[in-house]
Amino acid sequence: KMPLAARDFRNLVLLTPQTRFDSERGNLAISGQRGINTNVTIDGVDFNNGFFGGTVGGAEGRAPLSVSQESIKEFSVITNGASVEFGRSGGGFVNVVTKSGGNSLHGSAFYYNQPQSLIADFANGTEPAEQEKDQYGGSIGGRIVTDKLFYFLSYDEVNKSETVPIDPRVLDAGVFARYPELASPDTYTFGQDGDVLFGRLDWQPTQNHRLMLRGNFTDYTGVNGTSNATTRTESYNGIEGLDTEAWVASYSSQWGSNVLNDLNINYIVEDTPREDKGLDLPDFQVSGLGAYGEVAFLPIVSTTERKGISDTVTWLTGDHILKFGGEYNDTSIDQIFKGNWRGVFRFNSRADFLAGKWASYNQFGGLGGLTADEAGNADFGQKETALFIQDQWFMKPNVTISAGVRFESQDNPNDPILNPLDRNANGSYNLSAQIPDADITDQISPRFGITLSPGDQKSVVRFSAGRFWARTPAILLAQLFTSNGLQGTQYQINAPTVPGTTIVLQPTDPLAPGWGANFTVPGTERIDFTRVPTPRAPGVFAIDPDFDPASEWKMSLG
């Protein structure tokens, strides 16, 4: 066995060349692609978050566990030469195989503690931040009916906290004396508490038929879990959460001596509540000091639901193994994201902050009588279909050729979106455009591979080539509905400056919040959006009518 940091199987994936964690959300990134372009499957069944990208139960990299090491039997990583069974990824594929019970009773238990005394100082002699971590759990598996019905259960819990020291520049006594509502302790606790429960039932009524039902349940709470940055006060953070249910049912069967069939059905629902501190404070950004108040985009509420079905038939005939099948995924998202709804004040200096002289203010709000919650609501779905066929030909004892083709489609939401080419006389835009779909005739993925053994029984030559399409996560489409200049938009006010200097003057916009002596700290949503004129150049999102999902051609020789 190998040491495994945090008992997270993804760290073992990093032993494969061309793999890393990306810097955006901590997703597995393969072959130089972004992490959202990695496809993770468990027992051959999709285990990806269709909205955010990345794995199910990851909370965009914040949750400590999505799958327990205790429930994993083995895994494989494919960076090149993937067959047509694998799709929706331009980077690579990770397939996890879970444990099952057997006729014998097996179990395990573990407890790990990471004491502060065993954490080394940094190279420059600086002591690390105070932190605590406990991880414990176990597993048990066995039979319910000998040779027929088996069970396996595992549980894994992590309680982790880190004391984050706040930069002394942020802890400005003058700022806290002037604005006591923004006062902060000199540290805050960054928490990551989570657990994973896994259960699996296997029923084998005959030697040729096996049915499996499994569930993976993830729970996560992160007090001050939005960020562990040192340049923010304790109030400028959030309370993160996650609740995931992932169900899979499969039926594997053998028909006669040469036909195999694998049928899989999966259902996944993820609730990701992200709470604020409830202090009714805007977001204050002060150059040279840091961030005060509350995070501008919190709270966020989102629920992702994914339903899928796939079937693969394998036919052995002569020197050939023919494989064909298809899959279908239906993803829906219901989210309220209202970025900057609190209002964001930006100050050029400490002196300006103390004087209440902000340089800019921006806020998200609803138009046409909509509240920020109504304007920030995105409720839509995506549907994906794939068909594939492949022939693996054992041409000679030392030559194997595989050739196949995969067809994929992505049906995006059909609701109208803003058309930047369709503008009215008053400067507003019309909702006369639509998100383009990727039809099954557009996303064609031919694959070819050849394996040659020279005959010395010590070496082998492999060549593969093919095209791979990556799915477009729904998060990339959400703001087409929320920030479209008609449902909602950002409104920004800039304070004028004395020419040739950075001295700011009182803004003249009639919607401007209090400035100078009239500036106040408490109170969100300073702008009344019922008074916002038709935005002349609103901060909106549109999409190219010829947009295609990312794709790449890959070749490898080894």
Foldseek 3Di string as FASTA:
>chain_A
DDDDPLQECVVVVVVDPQWDQDPFQRAIFGNPDHRLQEFEEEVLHGQFFQFPGHGPQCLSVLASYQDGNQFFDDKDKAQDFDDQSDAQHFGTYMYTYTDWAAADKDKFKDKDWDALVPDDQDPVRHRAFDKTKIKIWMKIKHAPDHPFKIKIKIKIWMKMKTKAFADVLQQDPLLCVLPVLFHADRIDIWIKIKMKIKMKMWGDPDPFKIKMKMKIWMKIWIQQSQDRDRQEGNQAGKIKIKIKIKIKIWMWGDDPDFKIKIKMKMKMKMKIWIAHPPSQWAWEQEPPRHITTYAQWDTKIKMKIKIKIWMKMWGDDDQKIKIKIKMKMKMKMWMFTQGRQQKYFYQHHPVQVSQQATFKIKHKAFPPPDGSRQLRIFIFMKMKMKIKMKMWGCPDVFKIKMKMKMFMWMGGGFFFFWDPVAADPVQATDRPHGADIQHRVNDMKIKIKMKGDPPPVPDIKIKIKMKHFHDDRNNVVSQRRRPRLHGMFMDMFGFDADPPDPHGDDTDPPQDQDGGVRDDTGHGNSGDNHPDPRDNDTPGDDDDNPDDTDMDMDMDID
